[in-house]
Amino acid sequence: ETRPGEAVKAAVDFMYTDELRARTTKEAEDAYVAGQFYAIDGLVQLAEDYLLQHLTPASAVEMLRFASAHGAQELEERAMDLLLEGTASGASADDLKSLDPATLVALLRLQGEKLATPGAAVA
């Protein structure tokens, strides 16, 4: 859930400083949404970069959920890869069930592609 006040603050801060001043992934998500809404490509890119730097096995499902909801392509791909590598051991079946159907289908399709690729290992 995006916090409108924080999103606007992130957009205004960026317009004055050309910097993202996020201290948490939630703040970076707010900035990403604001950047999309106001068509501020630099803010979108900085916010996605921040999220990519903070993508962990424990946050992979939540980041995937955010990325697929907001069109963050690279973040979505990296979160899917992390889940398929098996390094996101904290992800439970319930976590995966919480993904929207299109994202879950894309994740399963990617897993199938990796299994079909000779020499590819999926945990």
N, C-alpha and C. Protein backbone atom coordinates (compact mmCIF):
# COMPACT_ATOMS: atom_id res chain seq x y z
N GLU A 1 0.85 -1.18 0.00
CA GLU A 1 0.00 0.00 0.00
C GLU A 1 0.89 1.23 0.00
N THR A 2 0.72 2.06 -1.00
CA THR A 2 1.51 3.28 -1.12
C THR A 2 0.96 4.36 -0.20
N ARG A 3 1.86 5.10 0.39
CA ARG A 3 1.47 6.21 1.26
C ARG A 3 1.58 7.49 0.44
N PRO A 4 0.43 8.09 0.05
CA PRO A 4 0.45 9.24 -0.86
C PRO A 4 1.34 10.40 -0.39
N GLY A 5 1.29 10.75 0.88
CA GLY A 5 2.12 11.85 1.38
C GLY A 5 3.60 11.57 1.22
N GLU A 6 4.01 10.35 1.52
CA GLU A 6 5.42 9.97 1.38
C GLU A 6 5.84 9.94 -0.09
N ALA A 7 4.92 9.51 -0.94
CA ALA A 7 5.22 9.45 -2.37
C ALA A 7 5.46 10.85 -2.94
N VAL A 8 4.59 11.78 -2.58
CA VAL A 8 4.75 13.16 -3.05
C VAL A 8 6.03 13.77 -2.50
N LYS A 9 6.32 13.51 -1.22
CA LYS A 9 7.56 14.03 -0.61
C LYS A 9 8.78 13.51 -1.36
N ALA A 10 8.78 12.23 -1.72
CA ALA A 10 9.90 11.65 -2.46
C ALA A 10 10.06 12.32 -3.82
N ALA A 11 8.95 12.60 -4.49
CA ALA A 11 9.01 13.24 -5.80
C ALA A 11 9.56 14.67 -5.69
N VAL A 12 9.08 15.41 -4.71
CA VAL A 12 9.55 16.79 -4.53
C VAL A 12 11.03 16.80 -4.14
N ASP A 13 11.42 15.93 -3.21
CA ASP A 13 12.83 15.84 -2.82
C ASP A 13 13.71 15.56 -4.04
N PHE A 14 13.27 14.63 -4.88
CA PHE A 14 14.06 14.27 -6.05
C PHE A 14 14.18 15.46 -7.01
N MET A 15 13.09 16.19 -7.21
CA MET A 15 13.13 17.32 -8.14
C MET A 15 14.11 18.40 -7.68
N TYR A 16 14.30 18.54 -6.37
CA TYR A 16 15.24 19.53 -5.86
C TYR A 16 16.67 19.01 -5.76
N THR A 17 16.84 17.72 -5.57
CA THR A 17 18.18 17.19 -5.26
C THR A 17 18.73 16.19 -6.28
N ASP A 18 17.87 15.64 -7.13
CA ASP A 18 18.27 14.54 -8.03
C ASP A 18 18.78 13.33 -7.25
N GLU A 19 18.29 13.18 -6.02
CA GLU A 19 18.68 12.06 -5.17
C GLU A 19 17.45 11.37 -4.62
N LEU A 20 17.62 10.11 -4.30
CA LEU A 20 16.59 9.36 -3.59
C LEU A 20 17.04 9.27 -2.15
N ARG A 21 16.22 9.75 -1.25
CA ARG A 21 16.60 9.76 0.17
C ARG A 21 15.85 8.69 0.95
N ALA A 22 15.66 7.55 0.35
CA ALA A 22 14.95 6.44 1.00
C ALA A 22 15.84 5.80 2.05
N ARG A 23 15.22 5.50 3.18
CA ARG A 23 15.93 4.79 4.25
C ARG A 23 15.39 3.37 4.41
N THR A 24 14.26 3.11 3.79
CA THR A 24 13.65 1.78 3.87
C THR A 24 13.13 1.38 2.50
N THR A 25 12.86 0.09 2.35
CA THR A 25 12.29 -0.36 1.07
C THR A 25 10.90 0.23 0.88
N LYS A 26 10.16 0.44 1.95
CA LYS A 26 8.82 1.05 1.83
C LYS A 26 8.94 2.46 1.25
N GLU A 27 9.91 3.23 1.71
CA GLU A 27 10.11 4.57 1.17
C GLU A 27 10.52 4.51 -0.30
N ALA A 28 11.34 3.53 -0.67
CA ALA A 28 11.73 3.37 -2.07
C ALA A 28 10.53 2.97 -2.93
N GLU A 29 9.67 2.11 -2.39
CA GLU A 29 8.45 1.75 -3.12
C GLU A 29 7.56 2.98 -3.34
N ASP A 30 7.41 3.80 -2.30
CA ASP A 30 6.62 5.03 -2.43
C ASP A 30 7.22 5.93 -3.51
N ALA A 31 8.54 6.06 -3.51
CA ALA A 31 9.21 6.89 -4.50
C ALA A 31 9.01 6.33 -5.91
N TYR A 32 9.07 5.01 -6.04
CA TYR A 32 8.86 4.38 -7.35
C TYR A 32 7.47 4.71 -7.88
N VAL A 33 6.48 4.56 -7.04
CA VAL A 33 5.09 4.84 -7.45
C VAL A 33 4.92 6.31 -7.81
N ALA A 34 5.51 7.20 -7.02
CA ALA A 34 5.42 8.63 -7.32
C ALA A 34 6.11 8.94 -8.64
N GLY A 35 7.27 8.35 -8.84
CA GLY A 35 7.99 8.56 -10.10
C GLY A 35 7.18 8.10 -11.30
N GLN A 36 6.50 6.99 -11.16
CA GLN A 36 5.63 6.53 -12.25
C GLN A 36 4.48 7.49 -12.47
N PHE A 37 3.83 7.88 -11.39
CA PHE A 37 2.65 8.73 -11.49
C PHE A 37 2.98 10.08 -12.12
N TYR A 38 4.11 10.66 -11.71
CA TYR A 38 4.49 11.98 -12.21
C TYR A 38 5.44 11.90 -13.42
N ALA A 39 5.67 10.71 -13.93
CA ALA A 39 6.55 10.48 -15.09
C ALA A 39 7.95 11.07 -14.86
N ILE A 40 8.53 10.73 -13.70
CA ILE A 40 9.89 11.15 -13.37
C ILE A 40 10.78 9.93 -13.49
N ASP A 41 11.29 9.70 -14.69
CA ASP A 41 12.04 8.48 -14.97
C ASP A 41 13.26 8.30 -14.07
N GLY A 42 13.96 9.38 -13.76
CA GLY A 42 15.14 9.28 -12.91
C GLY A 42 14.79 8.78 -11.52
N LEU A 43 13.67 9.22 -10.99
CA LEU A 43 13.22 8.76 -9.67
C LEU A 43 12.83 7.29 -9.72
N VAL A 44 12.15 6.90 -10.78
CA VAL A 44 11.77 5.48 -10.94
C VAL A 44 13.03 4.61 -10.95
N GLN A 45 14.03 5.04 -11.72
CA GLN A 45 15.26 4.24 -11.83
C GLN A 45 16.01 4.16 -10.50
N LEU A 46 16.13 5.28 -9.82
CA LEU A 46 16.82 5.26 -8.52
C LEU A 46 16.08 4.39 -7.51
N ALA A 47 14.77 4.49 -7.51
CA ALA A 47 13.98 3.68 -6.57
C ALA A 47 14.12 2.19 -6.88
N GLU A 48 14.07 1.84 -8.18
CA GLU A 48 14.24 0.43 -8.53
C GLU A 48 15.64 -0.05 -8.17
N ASP A 49 16.64 0.78 -8.40
CA ASP A 49 18.01 0.41 -8.03
C ASP A 49 18.11 0.15 -6.53
N TYR A 50 17.49 1.01 -5.73
CA TYR A 50 17.49 0.83 -4.27
C TYR A 50 16.84 -0.51 -3.91
N LEU A 51 15.69 -0.79 -4.52
CA LEU A 51 14.98 -2.04 -4.23
C LEU A 51 15.81 -3.25 -4.65
N LEU A 52 16.48 -3.16 -5.78
CA LEU A 52 17.34 -4.26 -6.23
C LEU A 52 18.49 -4.49 -5.25
N GLN A 53 19.06 -3.42 -4.73
CA GLN A 53 20.16 -3.54 -3.77
C GLN A 53 19.70 -4.15 -2.45
N HIS A 54 18.42 -4.02 -2.15
CA HIS A 54 17.89 -4.52 -0.89
C HIS A 54 17.04 -5.79 -1.05
N LEU A 55 17.11 -6.38 -2.23
CA LEU A 55 16.41 -7.64 -2.49
C LEU A 55 17.15 -8.77 -1.78
N THR A 56 16.45 -9.48 -0.93
CA THR A 56 17.06 -10.58 -0.17
C THR A 56 16.16 -11.81 -0.30
N PRO A 57 16.68 -12.97 0.07
CA PRO A 57 15.82 -14.15 0.06
C PRO A 57 14.55 -13.96 0.88
N ALA A 58 14.67 -13.26 1.99
CA ALA A 58 13.50 -13.06 2.85
C ALA A 58 12.49 -12.09 2.26
N SER A 59 12.95 -11.18 1.39
CA SER A 59 12.03 -10.18 0.82
C SER A 59 11.59 -10.50 -0.61
N ALA A 60 12.04 -11.62 -1.16
CA ALA A 60 11.82 -11.91 -2.58
C ALA A 60 10.33 -11.96 -2.96
N VAL A 61 9.50 -12.60 -2.16
CA VAL A 61 8.08 -12.71 -2.50
C VAL A 61 7.42 -11.33 -2.46
N GLU A 62 7.69 -10.57 -1.40
CA GLU A 62 7.09 -9.24 -1.29
C GLU A 62 7.57 -8.31 -2.40
N MET A 63 8.84 -8.38 -2.73
CA MET A 63 9.38 -7.56 -3.82
C MET A 63 8.79 -7.98 -5.16
N LEU A 64 8.61 -9.28 -5.35
CA LEU A 64 7.99 -9.76 -6.58
C LEU A 64 6.56 -9.25 -6.68
N ARG A 65 5.85 -9.28 -5.59
CA ARG A 65 4.48 -8.78 -5.56
C ARG A 65 4.43 -7.31 -5.96
N PHE A 66 5.32 -6.51 -5.37
CA PHE A 66 5.38 -5.08 -5.70
C PHE A 66 5.76 -4.87 -7.16
N ALA A 67 6.81 -5.57 -7.59
CA ALA A 67 7.32 -5.39 -8.96
C ALA A 67 6.27 -5.72 -10.00
N SER A 68 5.55 -6.80 -9.81
CA SER A 68 4.55 -7.18 -10.81
C SER A 68 3.35 -6.24 -10.79
N ALA A 69 3.05 -5.67 -9.63
CA ALA A 69 1.93 -4.72 -9.54
C ALA A 69 2.26 -3.38 -10.18
N HIS A 70 3.56 -3.04 -10.22
CA HIS A 70 3.95 -1.71 -10.69
C HIS A 70 4.83 -1.71 -11.92
N GLY A 71 5.03 -2.86 -12.52
CA GLY A 71 5.79 -2.92 -13.78
C GLY A 71 7.28 -2.70 -13.63
N ALA A 72 7.83 -3.05 -12.49
CA ALA A 72 9.28 -2.94 -12.27
C ALA A 72 9.93 -4.19 -12.84
N GLN A 73 10.22 -4.17 -14.12
CA GLN A 73 10.65 -5.35 -14.88
C GLN A 73 11.90 -6.02 -14.31
N GLU A 74 12.96 -5.24 -14.12
CA GLU A 74 14.20 -5.84 -13.64
C GLU A 74 14.04 -6.41 -12.23
N LEU A 75 13.35 -5.68 -11.37
CA LEU A 75 13.11 -6.17 -10.01
C LEU A 75 12.29 -7.45 -10.05
N GLU A 76 11.31 -7.51 -10.91
CA GLU A 76 10.48 -8.71 -11.04
C GLU A 76 11.34 -9.90 -11.48
N GLU A 77 12.18 -9.69 -12.48
CA GLU A 77 13.03 -10.78 -12.98
C GLU A 77 14.00 -11.26 -11.92
N ARG A 78 14.63 -10.32 -11.21
CA ARG A 78 15.61 -10.71 -10.19
C ARG A 78 14.95 -11.41 -9.01
N ALA A 79 13.76 -10.96 -8.62
CA ALA A 79 13.04 -11.62 -7.52
C ALA A 79 12.64 -13.03 -7.93
N MET A 80 12.18 -13.19 -9.17
CA MET A 80 11.82 -14.53 -9.66
C MET A 80 13.05 -15.43 -9.66
N ASP A 81 14.17 -14.91 -10.17
CA ASP A 81 15.40 -15.70 -10.19
C ASP A 81 15.79 -16.14 -8.78
N LEU A 82 15.68 -15.23 -7.84
CA LEU A 82 16.04 -15.55 -6.46
C LEU A 82 15.13 -16.65 -5.91
N LEU A 83 13.86 -16.56 -6.20
CA LEU A 83 12.93 -17.60 -5.75
C LEU A 83 13.24 -18.94 -6.40
N LEU A 84 13.56 -18.92 -7.68
CA LEU A 84 13.82 -20.18 -8.39
C LEU A 84 15.16 -20.79 -8.03
N GLU A 85 16.10 -19.97 -7.60
CA GLU A 85 17.41 -20.50 -7.18
C GLU A 85 17.30 -21.29 -5.89
N GLY A 86 16.17 -21.12 -5.22
CA GLY A 86 16.00 -21.84 -3.97
C GLY A 86 16.66 -21.16 -2.81
N THR A 87 17.23 -19.97 -3.06
CA THR A 87 17.89 -19.26 -1.97
C THR A 87 16.87 -18.54 -1.10
N ALA A 88 15.65 -18.42 -1.59
CA ALA A 88 14.60 -17.77 -0.80
C ALA A 88 13.90 -18.83 0.04
N SER A 89 14.68 -19.50 0.85
CA SER A 89 14.16 -20.62 1.62
C SER A 89 13.08 -20.20 2.60
N GLY A 90 13.02 -18.92 2.89
CA GLY A 90 11.99 -18.44 3.79
C GLY A 90 10.62 -18.34 3.13
N ALA A 91 10.56 -18.50 1.82
CA ALA A 91 9.29 -18.39 1.10
C ALA A 91 8.49 -19.68 1.29
N SER A 92 7.32 -19.54 1.87
CA SER A 92 6.47 -20.70 2.09
C SER A 92 5.48 -20.84 0.94
N ALA A 93 4.81 -21.96 0.92
CA ALA A 93 3.76 -22.18 -0.09
C ALA A 93 2.69 -21.11 0.03
N ASP A 94 2.37 -20.71 1.26
CA ASP A 94 1.37 -19.65 1.46
C ASP A 94 1.84 -18.33 0.88
N ASP A 95 3.15 -18.04 1.02
CA ASP A 95 3.70 -16.81 0.44
C ASP A 95 3.51 -16.84 -1.08
N LEU A 96 3.83 -17.96 -1.69
CA LEU A 96 3.70 -18.06 -3.14
C LEU A 96 2.24 -18.00 -3.57
N LYS A 97 1.35 -18.58 -2.77
CA LYS A 97 -0.08 -18.52 -3.09
C LYS A 97 -0.62 -17.10 -3.03
N SER A 98 0.05 -16.25 -2.28
CA SER A 98 -0.41 -14.86 -2.15
C SER A 98 -0.11 -14.02 -3.39
N LEU A 99 0.71 -14.55 -4.30
CA LEU A 99 0.99 -13.84 -5.54
C LEU A 99 -0.24 -13.84 -6.43
N ASP A 100 -0.38 -12.79 -7.25
CA ASP A 100 -1.51 -12.80 -8.17
C ASP A 100 -1.30 -13.90 -9.20
N PRO A 101 -2.38 -14.43 -9.77
CA PRO A 101 -2.27 -15.58 -10.69
C PRO A 101 -1.32 -15.36 -11.86
N ALA A 102 -1.32 -14.18 -12.46
CA ALA A 102 -0.44 -13.93 -13.61
C ALA A 102 1.03 -14.02 -13.21
N THR A 103 1.37 -13.50 -12.04
CA THR A 103 2.75 -13.55 -11.56
C THR A 103 3.15 -14.98 -11.23
N LEU A 104 2.25 -15.71 -10.61
CA LEU A 104 2.53 -17.10 -10.29
C LEU A 104 2.74 -17.93 -11.56
N VAL A 105 1.92 -17.70 -12.56
CA VAL A 105 2.07 -18.40 -13.84
C VAL A 105 3.42 -18.04 -14.48
N ALA A 106 3.79 -16.76 -14.44
CA ALA A 106 5.08 -16.34 -15.00
C ALA A 106 6.24 -17.00 -14.27
N LEU A 107 6.13 -17.11 -12.96
CA LEU A 107 7.17 -17.76 -12.16
C LEU A 107 7.29 -19.24 -12.53
N LEU A 108 6.16 -19.91 -12.65
CA LEU A 108 6.17 -21.33 -13.02
C LEU A 108 6.69 -21.53 -14.44
N ARG A 109 6.32 -20.63 -15.33
CA ARG A 109 6.81 -20.72 -16.72
C ARG A 109 8.33 -20.56 -16.75
N LEU A 110 8.85 -19.60 -15.99
CA LEU A 110 10.29 -19.40 -15.93
C LEU A 110 10.99 -20.62 -15.36
N GLN A 111 10.38 -21.23 -14.35
CA GLN A 111 10.96 -22.44 -13.78
C GLN A 111 10.99 -23.55 -14.84
N GLY A 112 9.92 -23.68 -15.61
CA GLY A 112 9.89 -24.68 -16.67
C GLY A 112 10.96 -24.43 -17.72
N GLU A 113 11.17 -23.17 -18.07
CA GLU A 113 12.20 -22.84 -19.05
C GLU A 113 13.58 -23.18 -18.52
N LYS A 114 13.81 -22.90 -17.25
CA LYS A 114 15.12 -23.21 -16.66
C LYS A 114 15.35 -24.72 -16.59
N LEU A 115 14.28 -25.47 -16.31
CA LEU A 115 14.43 -26.93 -16.26
C LEU A 115 14.67 -27.51 -17.64
N ALA A 116 14.12 -26.86 -18.66
CA ALA A 116 14.27 -27.35 -20.03
C ALA A 116 15.62 -26.98 -20.64
N THR A 117 16.33 -26.06 -20.01
CA THR A 117 17.63 -25.63 -20.51
C THR A 117 18.71 -26.58 -20.02
N PRO A 118 19.44 -27.22 -20.96
CA PRO A 118 20.50 -28.15 -20.55
C PRO A 118 21.52 -27.44 -19.66
N GLY A 119 21.87 -28.08 -18.57
CA GLY A 119 22.87 -27.55 -17.66
C GLY A 119 22.33 -26.58 -16.65
N ALA A 120 21.05 -26.22 -16.75
CA ALA A 120 20.46 -25.29 -15.77
C ALA A 120 20.01 -26.07 -14.55
N ALA A 121 20.34 -25.55 -13.42
CA ALA A 121 19.94 -26.21 -12.17
C ALA A 121 18.96 -25.31 -11.44
N VAL A 122 17.87 -25.89 -11.02
CA VAL A 122 16.88 -25.18 -10.21
C VAL A 122 16.68 -26.00 -8.96
N ALA A 123 16.87 -25.35 -7.82
CA ALA A 123 16.72 -26.07 -6.54
C ALA A 123 15.29 -26.38 -6.25
